[in-house]
Amino acid sequence: MHKELQRIRHGYYDLWFGTNAVYERWAKSHGLNNNLLLTLYLLKEFPNDCTQHLICEKLMLPKQTVNSILSGLEDKGFVEK
């Protein structure tokens, strides 16, 4: 059973890292980074109640990182704090 669990865990991580790499490449090709891309996704998915706290919680990012992302978006006129 241990070998089967190890195989499943390896498969999960291969899928996770592969998916993450695809998002990172796509973001980079559009002049974005992964954190900004995922923040934009959350802003779209929760248009009426997307808070800094929600973004921090969903993306497991520190408040300072999310604040920097949102400040950059605000400077460009994309969001209002």
PDB file of N, CA and C in Angstrom:
ATOM      1  N   MET A   1       0.822  -1.203   0.000  1.00  0.00           N
ATOM      2  CA  MET A   1       0.000   0.000   0.000  1.00  0.00           C
ATOM      3  C   MET A   1       0.863   1.264   0.000  1.00  0.00           C
ATOM      4  N   HIS A   2       1.985   1.214   0.737  1.00  0.00           N
ATOM      5  CA  HIS A   2       2.873   2.369   0.804  1.00  0.00           C
ATOM      6  C   HIS A   2       3.350   2.786  -0.592  1.00  0.00           C
ATOM      7  N   LYS A   3       3.710   1.824  -1.409  1.00  0.00           N
ATOM      8  CA  LYS A   3       4.181   2.113  -2.780  1.00  0.00           C
ATOM      9  C   LYS A   3       3.071   2.751  -3.612  1.00  0.00           C
ATOM     10  N   GLU A   4       1.844   2.282  -3.419  1.00  0.00           N
ATOM     11  CA  GLU A   4       0.706   2.851  -4.170  1.00  0.00           C
ATOM     12  C   GLU A   4       0.470   4.302  -3.757  1.00  0.00           C
ATOM     13  N   LEU A   5       0.522   4.588  -2.466  1.00  0.00           N
ATOM     14  CA  LEU A   5       0.352   5.968  -2.002  1.00  0.00           C
ATOM     15  C   LEU A   5       1.470   6.864  -2.525  1.00  0.00           C
ATOM     16  N   GLN A   6       2.664   6.348  -2.545  1.00  0.00           N
ATOM     17  CA  GLN A   6       3.800   7.104  -3.064  1.00  0.00           C
ATOM     18  C   GLN A   6       3.600   7.398  -4.552  1.00  0.00           C
ATOM     19  N   ARG A   7       3.119   6.416  -5.301  1.00  0.00           N
ATOM     20  CA  ARG A   7       2.851   6.612  -6.731  1.00  0.00           C
ATOM     21  C   ARG A   7       1.785   7.685  -6.945  1.00  0.00           C
ATOM     22  N   ILE A   8       0.719   7.645  -6.141  1.00  0.00           N
ATOM     23  CA  ILE A   8      -0.357   8.634  -6.249  1.00  0.00           C
ATOM     24  C   ILE A   8       0.172  10.028  -5.896  1.00  0.00           C
ATOM     25  N   ARG A   9       0.971  10.103  -4.829  1.00  0.00           N
ATOM     26  CA  ARG A   9       1.530  11.398  -4.414  1.00  0.00           C
ATOM     27  C   ARG A   9       2.429  11.971  -5.511  1.00  0.00           C
ATOM     28  N   HIS A  10       3.263  11.139  -6.110  1.00  0.00           N
ATOM     29  CA  HIS A  10       4.134  11.601  -7.194  1.00  0.00           C
ATOM     30  C   HIS A  10       3.303  12.086  -8.378  1.00  0.00           C
ATOM     31  N   GLY A  11       2.253  11.362  -8.700  1.00  0.00           N
ATOM     32  CA  GLY A  11       1.373  11.767  -9.793  1.00  0.00           C
ATOM     33  C   GLY A  11       0.715  13.103  -9.523  1.00  0.00           C
ATOM     34  N   TYR A  12       0.269  13.293  -8.288  1.00  0.00           N
ATOM     35  CA  TYR A  12      -0.366  14.556  -7.903  1.00  0.00           C
ATOM     36  C   TYR A  12       0.614  15.714  -8.069  1.00  0.00           C
ATOM     37  N   TYR A  13       1.822  15.550  -7.544  1.00  0.00           N
ATOM     38  CA  TYR A  13       2.802  16.628  -7.633  1.00  0.00           C
ATOM     39  C   TYR A  13       3.251  16.876  -9.063  1.00  0.00           C
ATOM     40  N   ASP A  14       3.373  15.842  -9.869  1.00  0.00           N
ATOM     41  CA  ASP A  14       3.693  16.045 -11.281  1.00  0.00           C
ATOM     42  C   ASP A  14       2.615  16.894 -11.956  1.00  0.00           C
ATOM     43  N   LEU A  15       1.356  16.591 -11.677  1.00  0.00           N
ATOM     44  CA  LEU A  15       0.244  17.354 -12.233  1.00  0.00           C
ATOM     45  C   LEU A  15       0.259  18.785 -11.722  1.00  0.00           C
ATOM     46  N   TRP A  16       0.459  18.960 -10.414  1.00  0.00           N
ATOM     47  CA  TRP A  16       0.478  20.301  -9.800  1.00  0.00           C
ATOM     48  C   TRP A  16       1.589  21.159 -10.405  1.00  0.00           C
ATOM     49  N   PHE A  17       2.819  20.616 -10.432  1.00  0.00           N
ATOM     50  CA  PHE A  17       3.941  21.386 -10.954  1.00  0.00           C
ATOM     51  C   PHE A  17       3.793  21.657 -12.446  1.00  0.00           C
ATOM     52  N   GLY A  18       3.273  20.708 -13.185  1.00  0.00           N
ATOM     53  CA  GLY A  18       3.059  20.903 -14.609  1.00  0.00           C
ATOM     54  C   GLY A  18       2.034  21.989 -14.886  1.00  0.00           C
ATOM     55  N   THR A  19       0.924  21.954 -14.160  1.00  0.00           N
ATOM     56  CA  THR A  19      -0.114  22.976 -14.323  1.00  0.00           C
ATOM     57  C   THR A  19       0.426  24.347 -13.950  1.00  0.00           C
ATOM     58  N   ASN A  20       1.149  24.417 -12.854  1.00  0.00           N
ATOM     59  CA  ASN A  20       1.721  25.682 -12.418  1.00  0.00           C
ATOM     60  C   ASN A  20       2.692  26.232 -13.472  1.00  0.00           C
ATOM     61  N   ALA A  21       3.484  25.365 -14.082  1.00  0.00           N
ATOM     62  CA  ALA A  21       4.426  25.794 -15.113  1.00  0.00           C
ATOM     63  C   ALA A  21       3.694  26.370 -16.324  1.00  0.00           C
ATOM     64  N   VAL A  22       2.570  25.756 -16.700  1.00  0.00           N
ATOM     65  CA  VAL A  22       1.775  26.262 -17.830  1.00  0.00           C
ATOM     66  C   VAL A  22       1.263  27.666 -17.514  1.00  0.00           C
ATOM     67  N   TYR A  23       0.707  27.873 -16.310  1.00  0.00           N
ATOM     68  CA  TYR A  23       0.230  29.199 -15.915  1.00  0.00           C
ATOM     69  C   TYR A  23       1.363  30.213 -15.902  1.00  0.00           C
ATOM     70  N   GLU A  24       2.516  29.827 -15.376  1.00  0.00           N
ATOM     71  CA  GLU A  24       3.650  30.754 -15.320  1.00  0.00           C
ATOM     72  C   GLU A  24       4.118  31.148 -16.715  1.00  0.00           C
ATOM     73  N   ARG A  25       4.209  30.178 -17.626  1.00  0.00           N
ATOM     74  CA  ARG A  25       4.625  30.488 -19.000  1.00  0.00           C
ATOM     75  C   ARG A  25       3.616  31.397 -19.683  1.00  0.00           C
ATOM     76  N   TRP A  26       2.309  31.110 -19.510  1.00  0.00           N
ATOM     77  CA  TRP A  26       1.286  31.932 -20.139  1.00  0.00           C
ATOM     78  C   TRP A  26       1.342  33.350 -19.581  1.00  0.00           C
ATOM     79  N   ALA A  27       1.453  33.468 -18.264  1.00  0.00           N
ATOM     80  CA  ALA A  27       1.524  34.788 -17.632  1.00  0.00           C
ATOM     81  C   ALA A  27       2.728  35.566 -18.161  1.00  0.00           C
ATOM     82  N   LYS A  28       3.883  34.921 -18.194  1.00  0.00           N
ATOM     83  CA  LYS A  28       5.109  35.578 -18.655  1.00  0.00           C
ATOM     84  C   LYS A  28       4.976  36.034 -20.104  1.00  0.00           C
ATOM     85  N   SER A  29       4.336  35.219 -20.933  1.00  0.00           N
ATOM     86  CA  SER A  29       4.176  35.587 -22.344  1.00  0.00           C
ATOM     87  C   SER A  29       3.256  36.790 -22.527  1.00  0.00           C
ATOM     88  N   HIS A  30       2.495  37.124 -21.474  1.00  0.00           N
ATOM     89  CA  HIS A  30       1.598  38.284 -21.517  1.00  0.00           C
ATOM     90  C   HIS A  30       2.072  39.416 -20.608  1.00  0.00           C
ATOM     91  N   GLY A  31       3.341  39.336 -20.196  1.00  0.00           N
ATOM     92  CA  GLY A  31       3.917  40.406 -19.382  1.00  0.00           C
ATOM     93  C   GLY A  31       3.442  40.423 -17.943  1.00  0.00           C
ATOM     94  N   LEU A  32       2.977  39.281 -17.445  1.00  0.00           N
ATOM     95  CA  LEU A  32       2.468  39.189 -16.081  1.00  0.00           C
ATOM     96  C   LEU A  32       3.321  38.205 -15.293  1.00  0.00           C
ATOM     97  N   ASN A  33       3.111  38.185 -13.983  1.00  0.00           N
ATOM     98  CA  ASN A  33       3.677  37.099 -13.187  1.00  0.00           C
ATOM     99  C   ASN A  33       2.512  36.268 -12.656  1.00  0.00           C
ATOM    100  N   ASN A  34       2.823  35.132 -12.110  1.00  0.00           N
ATOM    101  CA  ASN A  34       1.790  34.193 -11.684  1.00  0.00           C
ATOM    102  C   ASN A  34       0.875  34.796 -10.612  1.00  0.00           C
ATOM    103  N   ASN A  35       1.444  35.497  -9.639  1.00  0.00           N
ATOM    104  CA  ASN A  35       0.626  36.091  -8.581  1.00  0.00           C
ATOM    105  C   ASN A  35      -0.345  37.135  -9.126  1.00  0.00           C
ATOM    106  N   LEU A  36       0.122  37.942 -10.063  1.00  0.00           N
ATOM    107  CA  LEU A  36      -0.753  38.943 -10.678  1.00  0.00           C
ATOM    108  C   LEU A  36      -1.851  38.262 -11.481  1.00  0.00           C
ATOM    109  N   LEU A  37      -1.489  37.248 -12.255  1.00  0.00           N
ATOM    110  CA  LEU A  37      -2.483  36.512 -13.048  1.00  0.00           C
ATOM    111  C   LEU A  37      -3.574  35.931 -12.160  1.00  0.00           C
ATOM    112  N   LEU A  38      -3.179  35.274 -11.067  1.00  0.00           N
ATOM    113  CA  LEU A  38      -4.169  34.658 -10.188  1.00  0.00           C
ATOM    114  C   LEU A  38      -4.987  35.700  -9.429  1.00  0.00           C
ATOM    115  N   THR A  39      -4.390  36.849  -9.131  1.00  0.00           N
ATOM    116  CA  THR A  39      -5.149  37.939  -8.504  1.00  0.00           C
ATOM    117  C   THR A  39      -6.204  38.453  -9.474  1.00  0.00           C
ATOM    118  N   LEU A  40      -5.835  38.632 -10.731  1.00  0.00           N
ATOM    119  CA  LEU A  40      -6.813  39.063 -11.736  1.00  0.00           C
ATOM    120  C   LEU A  40      -7.946  38.049 -11.870  1.00  0.00           C
ATOM    121  N   TYR A  41      -7.603  36.778 -11.811  1.00  0.00           N
ATOM    122  CA  TYR A  41      -8.623  35.727 -11.864  1.00  0.00           C
ATOM    123  C   TYR A  41      -9.606  35.884 -10.704  1.00  0.00           C
ATOM    124  N   LEU A  42      -9.092  36.088  -9.499  1.00  0.00           N
ATOM    125  CA  LEU A  42      -9.978  36.225  -8.333  1.00  0.00           C
ATOM    126  C   LEU A  42     -10.830  37.487  -8.428  1.00  0.00           C
ATOM    127  N   LEU A  43     -10.266  38.563  -8.936  1.00  0.00           N
ATOM    128  CA  LEU A  43     -11.045  39.797  -9.110  1.00  0.00           C
ATOM    129  C   LEU A  43     -12.207  39.573 -10.075  1.00  0.00           C
ATOM    130  N   LYS A  44     -11.965  38.760 -11.095  1.00  0.00           N
ATOM    131  CA  LYS A  44     -13.031  38.448 -12.055  1.00  0.00           C
ATOM    132  C   LYS A  44     -14.076  37.523 -11.437  1.00  0.00           C
ATOM    133  N   GLU A  45     -13.636  36.526 -10.679  1.00  0.00           N
ATOM    134  CA  GLU A  45     -14.546  35.539 -10.113  1.00  0.00           C
ATOM    135  C   GLU A  45     -15.379  36.082  -8.954  1.00  0.00           C
ATOM    136  N   PHE A  46     -14.860  37.062  -8.240  1.00  0.00           N
ATOM    137  CA  PHE A  46     -15.562  37.650  -7.086  1.00  0.00           C
ATOM    138  C   PHE A  46     -15.666  39.163  -7.274  1.00  0.00           C
ATOM    139  N   PRO A  47     -16.363  39.611  -8.318  1.00  0.00           N
ATOM    140  CA  PRO A  47     -16.351  41.039  -8.650  1.00  0.00           C
ATOM    141  C   PRO A  47     -16.943  41.953  -7.574  1.00  0.00           C
ATOM    142  N   ASN A  48     -17.874  41.472  -6.810  1.00  0.00           N
ATOM    143  CA  ASN A  48     -18.538  42.331  -5.827  1.00  0.00           C
ATOM    144  C   ASN A  48     -17.995  42.208  -4.420  1.00  0.00           C
ATOM    145  N   ASP A  49     -17.237  41.159  -4.150  1.00  0.00           N
ATOM    146  CA  ASP A  49     -16.759  40.969  -2.779  1.00  0.00           C
ATOM    147  C   ASP A  49     -15.330  40.438  -2.708  1.00  0.00           C
ATOM    148  N   CYS A  50     -14.487  40.883  -3.645  1.00  0.00           N
ATOM    149  CA  CYS A  50     -13.094  40.461  -3.634  1.00  0.00           C
ATOM    150  C   CYS A  50     -12.298  41.443  -2.769  1.00  0.00           C
ATOM    151  N   THR A  51     -11.865  40.964  -1.632  1.00  0.00           N
ATOM    152  CA  THR A  51     -11.095  41.796  -0.714  1.00  0.00           C
ATOM    153  C   THR A  51      -9.635  41.356  -0.700  1.00  0.00           C
ATOM    154  N   GLN A  52      -8.796  42.201  -0.142  1.00  0.00           N
ATOM    155  CA  GLN A  52      -7.389  41.838   0.008  1.00  0.00           C
ATOM    156  C   GLN A  52      -7.274  40.576   0.861  1.00  0.00           C
ATOM    157  N   HIS A  53      -8.089  40.493   1.886  1.00  0.00           N
ATOM    158  CA  HIS A  53      -8.073  39.313   2.757  1.00  0.00           C
ATOM    159  C   HIS A  53      -8.423  38.045   1.970  1.00  0.00           C
ATOM    160  N   LEU A  54      -9.437  38.113   1.122  1.00  0.00           N
ATOM    161  CA  LEU A  54      -9.828  36.956   0.312  1.00  0.00           C
ATOM    162  C   LEU A  54      -8.686  36.532  -0.602  1.00  0.00           C
ATOM    163  N   ILE A  55      -8.036  37.498  -1.240  1.00  0.00           N
ATOM    164  CA  ILE A  55      -6.924  37.177  -2.142  1.00  0.00           C
ATOM    165  C   ILE A  55      -5.790  36.518  -1.361  1.00  0.00           C
ATOM    166  N   CYS A  56      -5.450  37.088  -0.213  1.00  0.00           N
ATOM    167  CA  CYS A  56      -4.387  36.507   0.629  1.00  0.00           C
ATOM    168  C   CYS A  56      -4.731  35.072   1.005  1.00  0.00           C
ATOM    169  N   GLU A  57      -5.969  34.867   1.389  1.00  0.00           N
ATOM    170  CA  GLU A  57      -6.411  33.544   1.841  1.00  0.00           C
ATOM    171  C   GLU A  57      -6.398  32.523   0.696  1.00  0.00           C
ATOM    172  N   LYS A  58      -6.956  32.896  -0.445  1.00  0.00           N
ATOM    173  CA  LYS A  58      -7.057  31.965  -1.577  1.00  0.00           C
ATOM    174  C   LYS A  58      -5.693  31.625  -2.173  1.00  0.00           C
ATOM    175  N   LEU A  59      -4.814  32.628  -2.259  1.00  0.00           N
ATOM    176  CA  LEU A  59      -3.523  32.415  -2.914  1.00  0.00           C
ATOM    177  C   LEU A  59      -2.400  32.130  -1.920  1.00  0.00           C
ATOM    178  N   MET A  60      -2.729  32.177  -0.640  1.00  0.00           N
ATOM    179  CA  MET A  60      -1.744  31.940   0.418  1.00  0.00           C
ATOM    180  C   MET A  60      -0.529  32.861   0.250  1.00  0.00           C
ATOM    181  N   LEU A  61      -0.825  34.131   0.013  1.00  0.00           N
ATOM    182  CA  LEU A  61       0.215  35.144  -0.142  1.00  0.00           C
ATOM    183  C   LEU A  61       0.183  36.095   1.047  1.00  0.00           C
ATOM    184  N   PRO A  62       1.337  36.675   1.392  1.00  0.00           N
ATOM    185  CA  PRO A  62       1.347  37.655   2.474  1.00  0.00           C
ATOM    186  C   PRO A  62       0.604  38.929   2.080  1.00  0.00           C
ATOM    187  N   LYS A  63       0.103  39.606   3.087  1.00  0.00           N
ATOM    188  CA  LYS A  63      -0.663  40.837   2.870  1.00  0.00           C
ATOM    189  C   LYS A  63       0.158  41.868   2.080  1.00  0.00           C
ATOM    190  N   GLN A  64       1.452  41.964   2.364  1.00  0.00           N
ATOM    191  CA  GLN A  64       2.307  42.938   1.690  1.00  0.00           C
ATOM    192  C   GLN A  64       2.392  42.665   0.189  1.00  0.00           C
ATOM    193  N   THR A  65       2.476  41.399  -0.188  1.00  0.00           N
ATOM    194  CA  THR A  65       2.549  41.030  -1.602  1.00  0.00           C
ATOM    195  C   THR A  65       1.260  41.405  -2.317  1.00  0.00           C
ATOM    196  N   VAL A  66       0.135  41.060  -1.711  1.00  0.00           N
ATOM    197  CA  VAL A  66      -1.160  41.375  -2.323  1.00  0.00           C
ATOM    198  C   VAL A  66      -1.356  42.885  -2.383  1.00  0.00           C
ATOM    199  N   ASN A  67      -0.943  43.589  -1.352  1.00  0.00           N
ATOM    200  CA  ASN A  67      -1.059  45.043  -1.355  1.00  0.00           C
ATOM    201  C   ASN A  67      -0.254  45.645  -2.511  1.00  0.00           C
ATOM    202  N   SER A  68       0.947  45.130  -2.759  1.00  0.00           N
ATOM    203  CA  SER A  68       1.771  45.621  -3.876  1.00  0.00           C
ATOM    204  C   SER A  68       1.095  45.357  -5.217  1.00  0.00           C
ATOM    205  N   ILE A  69       0.533  44.163  -5.362  1.00  0.00           N
ATOM    206  CA  ILE A  69      -0.170  43.822  -6.609  1.00  0.00           C
ATOM    207  C   ILE A  69      -1.348  44.764  -6.814  1.00  0.00           C
ATOM    208  N   LEU A  70      -2.151  44.950  -5.770  1.00  0.00           N
ATOM    209  CA  LEU A  70      -3.334  45.807  -5.889  1.00  0.00           C
ATOM    210  C   LEU A  70      -2.955  47.266  -6.098  1.00  0.00           C
ATOM    211  N   SER A  71      -1.880  47.720  -5.469  1.00  0.00           N
ATOM    212  CA  SER A  71      -1.429  49.101  -5.669  1.00  0.00           C
ATOM    213  C   SER A  71      -1.014  49.317  -7.127  1.00  0.00           C
ATOM    214  N   GLY A  72      -0.312  48.341  -7.697  1.00  0.00           N
ATOM    215  CA  GLY A  72       0.068  48.438  -9.106  1.00  0.00           C
ATOM    216  C   GLY A  72      -1.144  48.487 -10.021  1.00  0.00           C
ATOM    217  N   LEU A  73      -2.148  47.667  -9.721  1.00  0.00           N
ATOM    218  CA  LEU A  73      -3.383  47.676 -10.514  1.00  0.00           C
ATOM    219  C   LEU A  73      -4.147  48.980 -10.329  1.00  0.00           C
ATOM    220  N   GLU A  74      -4.122  49.505  -9.112  1.00  0.00           N
ATOM    221  CA  GLU A  74      -4.793  50.778  -8.849  1.00  0.00           C
ATOM    222  C   GLU A  74      -4.108  51.919  -9.601  1.00  0.00           C
ATOM    223  N   ASP A  75      -2.771  51.931  -9.594  1.00  0.00           N
ATOM    224  CA  ASP A  75      -2.024  52.961 -10.315  1.00  0.00           C
ATOM    225  C   ASP A  75      -2.354  52.971 -11.800  1.00  0.00           C
ATOM    226  N   LYS A  76      -2.665  51.792 -12.335  1.00  0.00           N
ATOM    227  CA  LYS A  76      -3.008  51.686 -13.759  1.00  0.00           C
ATOM    228  C   LYS A  76      -4.506  51.907 -14.016  1.00  0.00           C
ATOM    229  N   GLY A  77      -5.274  52.133 -12.938  1.00  0.00           N
ATOM    230  CA  GLY A  77      -6.700  52.402 -13.081  1.00  0.00           C
ATOM    231  C   GLY A  77      -7.564  51.169 -13.239  1.00  0.00           C
ATOM    232  N   PHE A  78      -7.033  49.981 -12.936  1.00  0.00           N
ATOM    233  CA  PHE A  78      -7.791  48.741 -13.106  1.00  0.00           C
ATOM    234  C   PHE A  78      -8.667  48.389 -11.908  1.00  0.00           C
ATOM    235  N   VAL A  79      -8.252  48.825 -10.716  1.00  0.00           N
ATOM    236  CA  VAL A  79      -9.034  48.530  -9.503  1.00  0.00           C
ATOM    237  C   VAL A  79      -9.103  49.774  -8.625  1.00  0.00           C
ATOM    238  N   GLU A  80     -10.061  49.751  -7.736  1.00  0.00           N
ATOM    239  CA  GLU A  80     -10.200  50.779  -6.705  1.00  0.00           C
ATOM    240  C   GLU A  80     -10.136  50.105  -5.369  1.00  0.00           C
ATOM    241  N   LYS A  81      -9.327  50.652  -4.473  1.00  0.00           N
ATOM    242  CA  LYS A  81      -9.264  50.096  -3.127  1.00  0.00           C
ATOM    243  C   LYS A  81     -10.330  50.750  -2.273  1.00  0.00           C
TER     244      LYS A  81
END
